[in-house]
Amino acid sequence: MAECGLRHHLALAAFAAAFVFIAGVTAFAADGNQEIAMSKHPYVGLWVSQDDYIRYELLPNGRYFESHGFRERVYHGEYRVTGDHIDYKDDSGFIADGEFRNDVLYHAGVRLMRA
């Protein structure tokens, strides 16, 4: 019985975290002034893996596109940058994050350089 209660509590916490993330990104992307500021943000633009197989396109409106090989824009969703940390929420509901260090984006074991 306690295990079931714990699972329920963890599921509610995960839902709440996802909701806060979605709400934050929605407000972030909807703010026209924020979009203008983001157009000059140093992390906006195209990031590519060393072999050019994985590509992330970070748009100034808080949206992103991920491409693999010849498959363009395989994944897409919203992102938010806080300092050097980036959070992604794919339109399918998948949530991931990464970190910028020395002009390199580290995401899921992949190093992406500015194109």
PDB file of N, CA and C in Angstrom:
ATOM      1  N   MET A   1       0.820  -1.197   0.000  1.00  0.00           N
ATOM      2  CA  MET A   1       0.000   0.000   0.000  1.00  0.00           C
ATOM      3  C   MET A   1       0.865   1.264   0.000  1.00  0.00           C
ATOM      4  N   ALA A   2       1.943   1.252   0.801  1.00  0.00           N
ATOM      5  CA  ALA A   2       2.818   2.421   0.850  1.00  0.00           C
ATOM      6  C   ALA A   2       3.499   2.643  -0.494  1.00  0.00           C
ATOM      7  N   GLU A   3       3.868   1.537  -1.176  1.00  0.00           N
ATOM      8  CA  GLU A   3       4.518   1.659  -2.477  1.00  0.00           C
ATOM      9  C   GLU A   3       3.587   2.317  -3.493  1.00  0.00           C
ATOM     10  N   CYS A   4       2.325   1.950  -3.480  1.00  0.00           N
ATOM     11  CA  CYS A   4       1.338   2.548  -4.388  1.00  0.00           C
ATOM     12  C   CYS A   4       1.208   4.043  -4.112  1.00  0.00           C
ATOM     13  N   GLY A   5       1.176   4.424  -2.832  1.00  0.00           N
ATOM     14  CA  GLY A   5       1.079   5.826  -2.458  1.00  0.00           C
ATOM     15  C   GLY A   5       2.291   6.609  -2.927  1.00  0.00           C
ATOM     16  N   LEU A   6       3.472   5.986  -2.810  1.00  0.00           N
ATOM     17  CA  LEU A   6       4.700   6.637  -3.246  1.00  0.00           C
ATOM     18  C   LEU A   6       4.688   6.836  -4.764  1.00  0.00           C
ATOM     19  N   ARG A   7       4.274   5.815  -5.509  1.00  0.00           N
ATOM     20  CA  ARG A   7       4.200   5.935  -6.970  1.00  0.00           C
ATOM     21  C   ARG A   7       3.249   7.054  -7.377  1.00  0.00           C
ATOM     22  N   HIS A   8       2.110   7.120  -6.702  1.00  0.00           N
ATOM     23  CA  HIS A   8       1.126   8.165  -6.997  1.00  0.00           C
ATOM     24  C   HIS A   8       1.730   9.539  -6.715  1.00  0.00           C
ATOM     25  N   HIS A   9       2.436   9.665  -5.596  1.00  0.00           N
ATOM     26  CA  HIS A   9       3.056  10.931  -5.214  1.00  0.00           C
ATOM     27  C   HIS A   9       4.122  11.341  -6.241  1.00  0.00           C
ATOM     28  N   LEU A  10       4.941  10.378  -6.684  1.00  0.00           N
ATOM     29  CA  LEU A  10       5.967  10.668  -7.685  1.00  0.00           C
ATOM     30  C   LEU A  10       5.342  11.055  -9.019  1.00  0.00           C
ATOM     31  N   ALA A  11       4.257  10.384  -9.395  1.00  0.00           N
ATOM     32  CA  ALA A  11       3.579  10.719 -10.651  1.00  0.00           C
ATOM     33  C   ALA A  11       3.023  12.136 -10.592  1.00  0.00           C
ATOM     34  N   LEU A  12       2.442  12.523  -9.453  1.00  0.00           N
ATOM     35  CA  LEU A  12       1.918  13.891  -9.305  1.00  0.00           C
ATOM     36  C   LEU A  12       3.054  14.913  -9.367  1.00  0.00           C
ATOM     37  N   ALA A  13       4.182  14.595  -8.735  1.00  0.00           N
ATOM     38  CA  ALA A  13       5.328  15.515  -8.764  1.00  0.00           C
ATOM     39  C   ALA A  13       5.840  15.681 -10.192  1.00  0.00           C
ATOM     40  N   ALA A  14       5.934  14.592 -10.945  1.00  0.00           N
ATOM     41  CA  ALA A  14       6.389  14.670 -12.336  1.00  0.00           C
ATOM     42  C   ALA A  14       5.421  15.497 -13.170  1.00  0.00           C
ATOM     43  N   PHE A  15       4.122  15.297 -12.968  1.00  0.00           N
ATOM     44  CA  PHE A  15       3.116  16.068 -13.703  1.00  0.00           C
ATOM     45  C   PHE A  15       3.243  17.548 -13.370  1.00  0.00           C
ATOM     46  N   ALA A  16       3.409  17.869 -12.093  1.00  0.00           N
ATOM     47  CA  ALA A  16       3.532  19.270 -11.683  1.00  0.00           C
ATOM     48  C   ALA A  16       4.770  19.900 -12.300  1.00  0.00           C
ATOM     49  N   ALA A  17       5.887  19.167 -12.309  1.00  0.00           N
ATOM     50  CA  ALA A  17       7.113  19.704 -12.903  1.00  0.00           C
ATOM     51  C   ALA A  17       6.915  19.943 -14.398  1.00  0.00           C
ATOM     52  N   ALA A  18       6.274  19.010 -15.081  1.00  0.00           N
ATOM     53  CA  ALA A  18       6.027  19.180 -16.514  1.00  0.00           C
ATOM     54  C   ALA A  18       5.110  20.364 -16.765  1.00  0.00           C
ATOM     55  N   PHE A  19       4.106  20.542 -15.929  1.00  0.00           N
ATOM     56  CA  PHE A  19       3.165  21.652 -16.098  1.00  0.00           C
ATOM     57  C   PHE A  19       3.877  22.986 -15.915  1.00  0.00           C
ATOM     58  N   VAL A  20       4.722  23.092 -14.901  1.00  0.00           N
ATOM     59  CA  VAL A  20       5.461  24.334 -14.675  1.00  0.00           C
ATOM     60  C   VAL A  20       6.345  24.618 -15.876  1.00  0.00           C
ATOM     61  N   PHE A  21       7.009  23.595 -16.393  1.00  0.00           N
ATOM     62  CA  PHE A  21       7.885  23.775 -17.556  1.00  0.00           C
ATOM     63  C   PHE A  21       7.084  24.264 -18.748  1.00  0.00           C
ATOM     64  N   ILE A  22       5.945  23.631 -19.021  1.00  0.00           N
ATOM     65  CA  ILE A  22       5.110  24.024 -20.160  1.00  0.00           C
ATOM     66  C   ILE A  22       4.628  25.455 -19.982  1.00  0.00           C
ATOM     67  N   ALA A  23       4.141  25.778 -18.808  1.00  0.00           N
ATOM     68  CA  ALA A  23       3.627  27.130 -18.557  1.00  0.00           C
ATOM     69  C   ALA A  23       4.733  28.153 -18.738  1.00  0.00           C
ATOM     70  N   GLY A  24       5.942  27.850 -18.238  1.00  0.00           N
ATOM     71  CA  GLY A  24       7.056  28.773 -18.372  1.00  0.00           C
ATOM     72  C   GLY A  24       7.447  28.995 -19.816  1.00  0.00           C
ATOM     73  N   VAL A  25       7.487  27.944 -20.595  1.00  0.00           N
ATOM     74  CA  VAL A  25       7.885  28.072 -21.998  1.00  0.00           C
ATOM     75  C   VAL A  25       6.822  28.811 -22.791  1.00  0.00           C
ATOM     76  N   THR A  26       5.559  28.520 -22.502  1.00  0.00           N
ATOM     77  CA  THR A  26       4.479  29.199 -23.225  1.00  0.00           C
ATOM     78  C   THR A  26       4.565  30.707 -23.001  1.00  0.00           C
ATOM     79  N   ALA A  27       4.743  31.121 -21.752  1.00  0.00           N
ATOM     80  CA  ALA A  27       4.859  32.550 -21.468  1.00  0.00           C
ATOM     81  C   ALA A  27       6.106  33.119 -22.129  1.00  0.00           C
ATOM     82  N   PHE A  28       7.172  32.354 -22.117  1.00  0.00           N
ATOM     83  CA  PHE A  28       8.452  32.768 -22.702  1.00  0.00           C
ATOM     84  C   PHE A  28       8.294  33.009 -24.201  1.00  0.00           C
ATOM     85  N   ALA A  29       7.677  32.055 -24.907  1.00  0.00           N
ATOM     86  CA  ALA A  29       7.553  32.162 -26.360  1.00  0.00           C
ATOM     87  C   ALA A  29       6.528  33.202 -26.784  1.00  0.00           C
ATOM     88  N   ALA A  30       5.533  33.467 -25.958  1.00  0.00           N
ATOM     89  CA  ALA A  30       4.461  34.379 -26.339  1.00  0.00           C
ATOM     90  C   ALA A  30       4.848  35.847 -26.171  1.00  0.00           C
ATOM     91  N   ASP A  31       5.903  36.122 -25.435  1.00  0.00           N
ATOM     92  CA  ASP A  31       6.300  37.497 -25.141  1.00  0.00           C
ATOM     93  C   ASP A  31       7.129  38.049 -26.298  1.00  0.00           C
ATOM     94  N   GLY A  32       6.569  38.959 -27.060  1.00  0.00           N
ATOM     95  CA  GLY A  32       7.260  39.527 -28.214  1.00  0.00           C
ATOM     96  C   GLY A  32       8.582  40.178 -27.850  1.00  0.00           C
ATOM     97  N   ASN A  33       8.634  40.896 -26.718  1.00  0.00           N
ATOM     98  CA  ASN A  33       9.878  41.534 -26.294  1.00  0.00           C
ATOM     99  C   ASN A  33      10.944  40.491 -25.992  1.00  0.00           C
ATOM    100  N   GLN A  34      10.529  39.380 -25.407  1.00  0.00           N
ATOM    101  CA  GLN A  34      11.479  38.311 -25.111  1.00  0.00           C
ATOM    102  C   GLN A  34      12.041  37.744 -26.406  1.00  0.00           C
ATOM    103  N   GLU A  35      11.201  37.626 -27.432  1.00  0.00           N
ATOM    104  CA  GLU A  35      11.663  37.093 -28.712  1.00  0.00           C
ATOM    105  C   GLU A  35      12.710  38.016 -29.336  1.00  0.00           C
ATOM    106  N   ILE A  36      12.492  39.312 -29.245  1.00  0.00           N
ATOM    107  CA  ILE A  36      13.470  40.270 -29.777  1.00  0.00           C
ATOM    108  C   ILE A  36      14.781  40.131 -29.014  1.00  0.00           C
ATOM    109  N   ALA A  37      14.709  40.021 -27.695  1.00  0.00           N
ATOM    110  CA  ALA A  37      15.919  39.844 -26.891  1.00  0.00           C
ATOM    111  C   ALA A  37      16.608  38.533 -27.238  1.00  0.00           C
ATOM    112  N   MET A  38      15.837  37.465 -27.470  1.00  0.00           N
ATOM    113  CA  MET A  38      16.418  36.164 -27.783  1.00  0.00           C
ATOM    114  C   MET A  38      17.071  36.147 -29.165  1.00  0.00           C
ATOM    115  N   SER A  39      16.621  37.007 -30.075  1.00  0.00           N
ATOM    116  CA  SER A  39      17.230  37.012 -31.408  1.00  0.00           C
ATOM    117  C   SER A  39      18.704  37.388 -31.327  1.00  0.00           C
ATOM    118  N   LYS A  40      19.093  38.065 -30.247  1.00  0.00           N
ATOM    119  CA  LYS A  40      20.489  38.452 -30.054  1.00  0.00           C
ATOM    120  C   LYS A  40      21.185  37.563 -29.029  1.00  0.00           C
ATOM    121  N   HIS A  41      20.472  36.572 -28.499  1.00  0.00           N
ATOM    122  CA  HIS A  41      21.045  35.686 -27.485  1.00  0.00           C
ATOM    123  C   HIS A  41      22.155  34.845 -28.117  1.00  0.00           C
ATOM    124  N   PRO A  42      23.276  34.669 -27.437  1.00  0.00           N
ATOM    125  CA  PRO A  42      24.410  33.958 -28.039  1.00  0.00           C
ATOM    126  C   PRO A  42      24.153  32.483 -28.352  1.00  0.00           C
ATOM    127  N   TYR A  43      23.126  31.874 -27.782  1.00  0.00           N
ATOM    128  CA  TYR A  43      22.878  30.452 -28.027  1.00  0.00           C
ATOM    129  C   TYR A  43      21.879  30.196 -29.144  1.00  0.00           C
ATOM    130  N   VAL A  44      21.192  31.218 -29.625  1.00  0.00           N
ATOM    131  CA  VAL A  44      20.261  31.046 -30.735  1.00  0.00           C
ATOM    132  C   VAL A  44      21.056  30.758 -32.005  1.00  0.00           C
ATOM    133  N   GLY A  45      20.581  29.817 -32.805  1.00  0.00           N
ATOM    134  CA  GLY A  45      21.257  29.485 -34.052  1.00  0.00           C
ATOM    135  C   GLY A  45      21.343  27.990 -34.252  1.00  0.00           C
ATOM    136  N   LEU A  46      22.228  27.580 -35.137  1.00  0.00           N
ATOM    137  CA  LEU A  46      22.378  26.177 -35.503  1.00  0.00           C
ATOM    138  C   LEU A  46      23.570  25.565 -34.776  1.00  0.00           C
ATOM    139  N   TRP A  47      23.345  24.390 -34.169  1.00  0.00           N
ATOM    140  CA  TRP A  47      24.366  23.634 -33.462  1.00  0.00           C
ATOM    141  C   TRP A  47      24.463  22.258 -34.108  1.00  0.00           C
ATOM    142  N   VAL A  48      25.671  21.796 -34.395  1.00  0.00           N
ATOM    143  CA  VAL A  48      25.848  20.530 -35.118  1.00  0.00           C
ATOM    144  C   VAL A  48      26.872  19.643 -34.415  1.00  0.00           C
ATOM    145  N   SER A  49      26.674  18.325 -34.528  1.00  0.00           N
ATOM    146  CA  SER A  49      27.654  17.373 -34.010  1.00  0.00           C
ATOM    147  C   SER A  49      28.871  17.391 -34.933  1.00  0.00           C
ATOM    148  N   GLN A  50      29.978  16.864 -34.455  1.00  0.00           N
ATOM    149  CA  GLN A  50      31.226  16.906 -35.221  1.00  0.00           C
ATOM    150  C   GLN A  50      31.073  16.246 -36.586  1.00  0.00           C
ATOM    151  N   ASP A  51      30.270  15.176 -36.662  1.00  0.00           N
ATOM    152  CA  ASP A  51      30.069  14.485 -37.940  1.00  0.00           C
ATOM    153  C   ASP A  51      28.904  15.067 -38.739  1.00  0.00           C
ATOM    154  N   ASP A  52      28.309  16.145 -38.246  1.00  0.00           N
ATOM    155  CA  ASP A  52      27.192  16.838 -38.888  1.00  0.00           C
ATOM    156  C   ASP A  52      25.928  15.967 -38.987  1.00  0.00           C
ATOM    157  N   TYR A  53      25.881  14.869 -38.233  1.00  0.00           N
ATOM    158  CA  TYR A  53      24.718  13.985 -38.290  1.00  0.00           C
ATOM    159  C   TYR A  53      23.547  14.561 -37.491  1.00  0.00           C
ATOM    160  N   ILE A  54      23.830  15.109 -36.311  1.00  0.00           N
ATOM    161  CA  ILE A  54      22.780  15.684 -35.459  1.00  0.00           C
ATOM    162  C   ILE A  54      22.886  17.194 -35.523  1.00  0.00           C
ATOM    163  N   ARG A  55      21.751  17.823 -35.752  1.00  0.00           N
ATOM    164  CA  ARG A  55      21.703  19.283 -35.849  1.00  0.00           C
ATOM    165  C   ARG A  55      20.542  19.819 -35.015  1.00  0.00           C
ATOM    166  N   TYR A  56      20.812  20.836 -34.209  1.00  0.00           N
ATOM    167  CA  TYR A  56      19.783  21.521 -33.425  1.00  0.00           C
ATOM    168  C   TYR A  56      19.688  22.951 -33.933  1.00  0.00           C
ATOM    169  N   GLU A  57      18.503  23.349 -34.276  1.00  0.00           N
ATOM    170  CA  GLU A  57      18.249  24.722 -34.700  1.00  0.00           C
ATOM    171  C   GLU A  57      17.441  25.399 -33.601  1.00  0.00           C
ATOM    172  N   LEU A  58      18.065  26.312 -32.870  1.00  0.00           N
ATOM    173  CA  LEU A  58      17.402  27.043 -31.786  1.00  0.00           C
ATOM    174  C   LEU A  58      16.908  28.374 -32.340  1.00  0.00           C
ATOM    175  N   LEU A  59      15.600  28.520 -32.410  1.00  0.00           N
ATOM    176  CA  LEU A  59      14.999  29.727 -32.978  1.00  0.00           C
ATOM    177  C   LEU A  59      14.792  30.780 -31.895  1.00  0.00           C
ATOM    178  N   PRO A  60      14.758  32.061 -32.247  1.00  0.00           N
ATOM    179  CA  PRO A  60      14.593  33.123 -31.248  1.00  0.00           C
ATOM    180  C   PRO A  60      13.220  33.141 -30.591  1.00  0.00           C
ATOM    181  N   ASN A  61      12.235  32.423 -31.122  1.00  0.00           N
ATOM    182  CA  ASN A  61      10.894  32.417 -30.528  1.00  0.00           C
ATOM    183  C   ASN A  61      10.710  31.313 -29.496  1.00  0.00           C
ATOM    184  N   GLY A  62      11.808  30.642 -29.103  1.00  0.00           N
ATOM    185  CA  GLY A  62      11.711  29.604 -28.089  1.00  0.00           C
ATOM    186  C   GLY A  62      11.385  28.230 -28.653  1.00  0.00           C
ATOM    187  N   ARG A  63      11.413  28.070 -29.964  1.00  0.00           N
ATOM    188  CA  ARG A  63      11.158  26.774 -30.617  1.00  0.00           C
ATOM    189  C   ARG A  63      12.482  26.190 -31.102  1.00  0.00           C
ATOM    190  N   TYR A  64      12.510  24.876 -31.245  1.00  0.00           N
ATOM    191  CA  TYR A  64      13.702  24.230 -31.782  1.00  0.00           C
ATOM    192  C   TYR A  64      13.311  23.128 -32.758  1.00  0.00           C
ATOM    193  N   PHE A  65      14.258  22.781 -33.624  1.00  0.00           N
ATOM    194  CA  PHE A  65      14.121  21.662 -34.554  1.00  0.00           C
ATOM    195  C   PHE A  65      15.385  20.823 -34.443  1.00  0.00           C
ATOM    196  N   GLU A  66      15.221  19.503 -34.402  1.00  0.00           N
ATOM    197  CA  GLU A  66      16.346  18.579 -34.371  1.00  0.00           C
ATOM    198  C   GLU A  66      16.312  17.741 -35.636  1.00  0.00           C
ATOM    199  N   SER A  67      17.450  17.661 -36.324  1.00  0.00           N
ATOM    200  CA  SER A  67      17.562  16.886 -37.560  1.00  0.00           C
ATOM    201  C   SER A  67      18.618  15.806 -37.377  1.00  0.00           C
ATOM    202  N   HIS A  68      18.414  14.659 -38.067  1.00  0.00           N
ATOM    203  CA  HIS A  68      19.351  13.531 -38.016  1.00  0.00           C
ATOM    204  C   HIS A  68      19.686  13.123 -39.438  1.00  0.00           C
ATOM    205  N   GLY A  69      20.944  13.216 -39.803  1.00  0.00           N
ATOM    206  CA  GLY A  69      21.361  12.802 -41.140  1.00  0.00           C
ATOM    207  C   GLY A  69      20.590  13.548 -42.217  1.00  0.00           C
ATOM    208  N   PHE A  70      19.985  12.785 -43.129  1.00  0.00           N
ATOM    209  CA  PHE A  70      19.197  13.395 -44.207  1.00  0.00           C
ATOM    210  C   PHE A  70      17.765  13.709 -43.781  1.00  0.00           C
ATOM    211  N   ARG A  71      17.397  13.291 -42.571  1.00  0.00           N
ATOM    212  CA  ARG A  71      16.032  13.540 -42.073  1.00  0.00           C
ATOM    213  C   ARG A  71      15.982  14.901 -41.388  1.00  0.00           C
ATOM    214  N   GLU A  72      15.345  15.839 -42.045  1.00  0.00           N
ATOM    215  CA  GLU A  72      15.255  17.207 -41.523  1.00  0.00           C
ATOM    216  C   GLU A  72      14.079  17.338 -40.540  1.00  0.00           C
ATOM    217  N   ARG A  73      14.327  18.068 -39.466  1.00  0.00           N
ATOM    218  CA  ARG A  73      13.300  18.417 -38.488  1.00  0.00           C
ATOM    219  C   ARG A  73      12.521  17.196 -37.994  1.00  0.00           C
ATOM    220  N   VAL A  74      13.265  16.190 -37.582  1.00  0.00           N
ATOM    221  CA  VAL A  74      12.681  14.952 -37.066  1.00  0.00           C
ATOM    222  C   VAL A  74      11.924  15.224 -35.764  1.00  0.00           C
ATOM    223  N   TYR A  75      12.509  16.037 -34.899  1.00  0.00           N
ATOM    224  CA  TYR A  75      11.894  16.401 -33.626  1.00  0.00           C
ATOM    225  C   TYR A  75      11.767  17.909 -33.574  1.00  0.00           C
ATOM    226  N   HIS A  76      10.759  18.374 -32.859  1.00  0.00           N
ATOM    227  CA  HIS A  76      10.537  19.813 -32.722  1.00  0.00           C
ATOM    228  C   HIS A  76       9.778  20.066 -31.443  1.00  0.00           C
ATOM    229  N   GLY A  77       9.973  21.246 -30.900  1.00  0.00           N
ATOM    230  CA  GLY A  77       9.301  21.594 -29.660  1.00  0.00           C
ATOM    231  C   GLY A  77       9.752  22.954 -29.172  1.00  0.00           C
ATOM    232  N   GLU A  78       9.681  23.105 -27.852  1.00  0.00           N
ATOM    233  CA  GLU A  78      10.026  24.375 -27.227  1.00  0.00           C
ATOM    234  C   GLU A  78      11.277  24.197 -26.376  1.00  0.00           C
ATOM    235  N   TYR A  79      12.000  25.285 -26.199  1.00  0.00           N
ATOM    236  CA  TYR A  79      13.165  25.244 -25.321  1.00  0.00           C
ATOM    237  C   TYR A  79      13.209  26.505 -24.490  1.00  0.00           C
ATOM    238  N   ARG A  80      13.979  26.410 -23.408  1.00  0.00           N
ATOM    239  CA  ARG A  80      14.183  27.569 -22.543  1.00  0.00           C
ATOM    240  C   ARG A  80      15.613  27.535 -22.034  1.00  0.00           C
ATOM    241  N   VAL A  81      16.297  28.659 -22.137  1.00  0.00           N
ATOM    242  CA  VAL A  81      17.668  28.781 -21.656  1.00  0.00           C
ATOM    243  C   VAL A  81      17.659  29.548 -20.343  1.00  0.00           C
ATOM    244  N   THR A  82      18.326  28.986 -19.335  1.00  0.00           N
ATOM    245  CA  THR A  82      18.511  29.647 -18.051  1.00  0.00           C
ATOM    246  C   THR A  82      20.005  29.614 -17.758  1.00  0.00           C
ATOM    247  N   GLY A  83      20.647  30.751 -17.900  1.00  0.00           N
ATOM    248  CA  GLY A  83      22.103  30.784 -17.753  1.00  0.00           C
ATOM    249  C   GLY A  83      22.736  29.978 -18.864  1.00  0.00           C
ATOM    250  N   ASP A  84      23.460  28.917 -18.497  1.00  0.00           N
ATOM    251  CA  ASP A  84      24.091  28.034 -19.476  1.00  0.00           C
ATOM    252  C   ASP A  84      23.355  26.700 -19.585  1.00  0.00           C
ATOM    253  N   HIS A  85      22.182  26.609 -19.003  1.00  0.00           N
ATOM    254  CA  HIS A  85      21.384  25.373 -19.016  1.00  0.00           C
ATOM    255  C   HIS A  85      20.233  25.529 -20.014  1.00  0.00           C
ATOM    256  N   ILE A  86      19.930  24.465 -20.760  1.00  0.00           N
ATOM    257  CA  ILE A  86      18.816  24.485 -21.697  1.00  0.00           C
ATOM    258  C   ILE A  86      17.875  23.317 -21.385  1.00  0.00           C
ATOM    259  N   ASP A  87      16.586  23.604 -21.359  1.00  0.00           N
ATOM    260  CA  ASP A  87      15.551  22.589 -21.190  1.00  0.00           C
ATOM    261  C   ASP A  87      14.755  22.511 -22.477  1.00  0.00           C
ATOM    262  N   TYR A  88      14.478  21.286 -22.913  1.00  0.00           N
ATOM    263  CA  TYR A  88      13.682  21.047 -24.118  1.00  0.00           C
ATOM    264  C   TYR A  88      12.385  20.358 -23.735  1.00  0.00           C
ATOM    265  N   LYS A  89      11.312  20.693 -24.430  1.00  0.00           N
ATOM    266  CA  LYS A  89      10.068  19.925 -24.334  1.00  0.00           C
ATOM    267  C   LYS A  89       9.598  19.694 -25.751  1.00  0.00           C
ATOM    268  N   ASP A  90       9.756  18.443 -26.195  1.00  0.00           N
ATOM    269  CA  ASP A  90       9.341  18.055 -27.528  1.00  0.00           C
ATOM    270  C   ASP A  90       7.821  18.131 -27.629  1.00  0.00           C
ATOM    271  N   ASP A  91       7.302  18.414 -28.805  1.00  0.00           N
ATOM    272  CA  ASP A  91       5.853  18.492 -28.991  1.00  0.00           C
ATOM    273  C   ASP A  91       5.155  17.170 -28.679  1.00  0.00           C
ATOM    274  N   SER A  92       5.900  16.060 -28.683  1.00  0.00           N
ATOM    275  CA  SER A  92       5.315  14.759 -28.335  1.00  0.00           C
ATOM    276  C   SER A  92       5.262  14.549 -26.827  1.00  0.00           C
ATOM    277  N   GLY A  93       5.883  15.457 -26.044  1.00  0.00           N
ATOM    278  CA  GLY A  93       5.865  15.356 -24.597  1.00  0.00           C
ATOM    279  C   GLY A  93       7.198  14.961 -23.979  1.00  0.00           C
ATOM    280  N   PHE A  94       8.183  14.585 -24.790  1.00  0.00           N
ATOM    281  CA  PHE A  94       9.498  14.195 -24.290  1.00  0.00           C
ATOM    282  C   PHE A  94      10.213  15.415 -23.715  1.00  0.00           C
ATOM    283  N   ILE A  95      10.823  15.254 -22.549  1.00  0.00           N
ATOM    284  CA  ILE A  95      11.542  16.352 -21.892  1.00  0.00           C
ATOM    285  C   ILE A  95      13.016  15.972 -21.775  1.00  0.00           C
ATOM    286  N   ALA A  96      13.906  16.908 -22.108  1.00  0.00           N
ATOM    287  CA  ALA A  96      15.348  16.679 -22.020  1.00  0.00           C
ATOM    288  C   ALA A  96      16.025  17.992 -21.647  1.00  0.00           C
ATOM    289  N   ASP A  97      17.315  17.919 -21.391  1.00  0.00           N
ATOM    290  CA  ASP A  97      18.058  19.138 -21.080  1.00  0.00           C
ATOM    291  C   ASP A  97      19.489  19.014 -21.573  1.00  0.00           C
ATOM    292  N   GLY A  98      20.212  20.101 -21.476  1.00  0.00           N
ATOM    293  CA  GLY A  98      21.602  20.143 -21.895  1.00  0.00           C
ATOM    294  C   GLY A  98      22.301  21.310 -21.239  1.00  0.00           C
ATOM    295  N   GLU A  99      23.563  21.474 -21.584  1.00  0.00           N
ATOM    296  CA  GLU A  99      24.360  22.536 -20.981  1.00  0.00           C
ATOM    297  C   GLU A  99      25.345  23.091 -22.004  1.00  0.00           C
ATOM    298  N   PHE A 100      25.506  24.407 -21.970  1.00  0.00           N
ATOM    299  CA  PHE A 100      26.482  25.089 -22.811  1.00  0.00           C
ATOM    300  C   PHE A 100      27.751  25.302 -21.987  1.00  0.00           C
ATOM    301  N   ARG A 101      28.895  24.855 -22.535  1.00  0.00           N
ATOM    302  CA  ARG A 101      30.188  25.096 -21.892  1.00  0.00           C
ATOM    303  C   ARG A 101      31.206  25.406 -22.967  1.00  0.00           C
ATOM    304  N   ASN A 102      31.867  26.551 -22.853  1.00  0.00           N
ATOM    305  CA  ASN A 102      32.926  26.950 -23.795  1.00  0.00           C
ATOM    306  C   ASN A 102      32.463  26.851 -25.245  1.00  0.00           C
ATOM    307  N   ASP A 103      31.297  27.386 -25.509  1.00  0.00           N
ATOM    308  CA  ASP A 103      30.708  27.428 -26.853  1.00  0.00           C
ATOM    309  C   ASP A 103      30.462  26.029 -27.440  1.00  0.00           C
ATOM    310  N   VAL A 104      30.186  25.063 -26.565  1.00  0.00           N
ATOM    311  CA  VAL A 104      29.797  23.708 -26.960  1.00  0.00           C
ATOM    312  C   VAL A 104      28.500  23.386 -26.234  1.00  0.00           C
ATOM    313  N   LEU A 105      27.534  22.811 -26.962  1.00  0.00           N
ATOM    314  CA  LEU A 105      26.281  22.361 -26.363  1.00  0.00           C
ATOM    315  C   LEU A 105      26.400  20.868 -26.091  1.00  0.00           C
ATOM    316  N   TYR A 106      26.289  20.488 -24.818  1.00  0.00           N
ATOM    317  CA  TYR A 106      26.317  19.082 -24.415  1.00  0.00           C
ATOM    318  C   TYR A 106      24.879  18.644 -24.177  1.00  0.00           C
ATOM    319  N   HIS A 107      24.463  17.634 -24.936  1.00  0.00           N
ATOM    320  CA  HIS A 107      23.086  17.140 -24.825  1.00  0.00           C
ATOM    321  C   HIS A 107      23.072  15.631 -25.048  1.00  0.00           C
ATOM    322  N   ALA A 108      22.618  14.873 -24.059  1.00  0.00           N
ATOM    323  CA  ALA A 108      22.454  13.417 -24.156  1.00  0.00           C
ATOM    324  C   ALA A 108      23.719  12.722 -24.660  1.00  0.00           C
ATOM    325  N   GLY A 109      24.872  13.121 -24.136  1.00  0.00           N
ATOM    326  CA  GLY A 109      26.122  12.486 -24.529  1.00  0.00           C
ATOM    327  C   GLY A 109      26.681  12.953 -25.860  1.00  0.00           C
ATOM    328  N   VAL A 110      26.061  13.943 -26.467  1.00  0.00           N
ATOM    329  CA  VAL A 110      26.502  14.463 -27.773  1.00  0.00           C
ATOM    330  C   VAL A 110      27.051  15.868 -27.577  1.00  0.00           C
ATOM    331  N   ARG A 111      28.149  16.158 -28.243  1.00  0.00           N
ATOM    332  CA  ARG A 111      28.726  17.505 -28.257  1.00  0.00           C
ATOM    333  C   ARG A 111      28.331  18.184 -29.560  1.00  0.00           C
ATOM    334  N   LEU A 112      27.716  19.335 -29.441  1.00  0.00           N
ATOM    335  CA  LEU A 112      27.298  20.094 -30.629  1.00  0.00           C
ATOM    336  C   LEU A 112      28.032  21.428 -30.636  1.00  0.00           C
ATOM    337  N   MET A 113      28.573  21.755 -31.791  1.00  0.00           N
ATOM    338  CA  MET A 113      29.306  23.005 -31.959  1.00  0.00           C
ATOM    339  C   MET A 113      28.458  23.972 -32.778  1.00  0.00           C
ATOM    340  N   ARG A 114      28.709  25.256 -32.587  1.00  0.00           N
ATOM    341  CA  ARG A 114      27.993  26.258 -33.387  1.00  0.00           C
ATOM    342  C   ARG A 114      28.366  26.092 -34.863  1.00  0.00           C
ATOM    343  N   ALA A 115      27.350  26.135 -35.722  1.00  0.00           N
ATOM    344  CA  ALA A 115      27.592  25.985 -37.167  1.00  0.00           C
ATOM    345  C   ALA A 115      28.107  27.277 -37.750  1.00  0.00           C
TER     346      ALA A 115
END
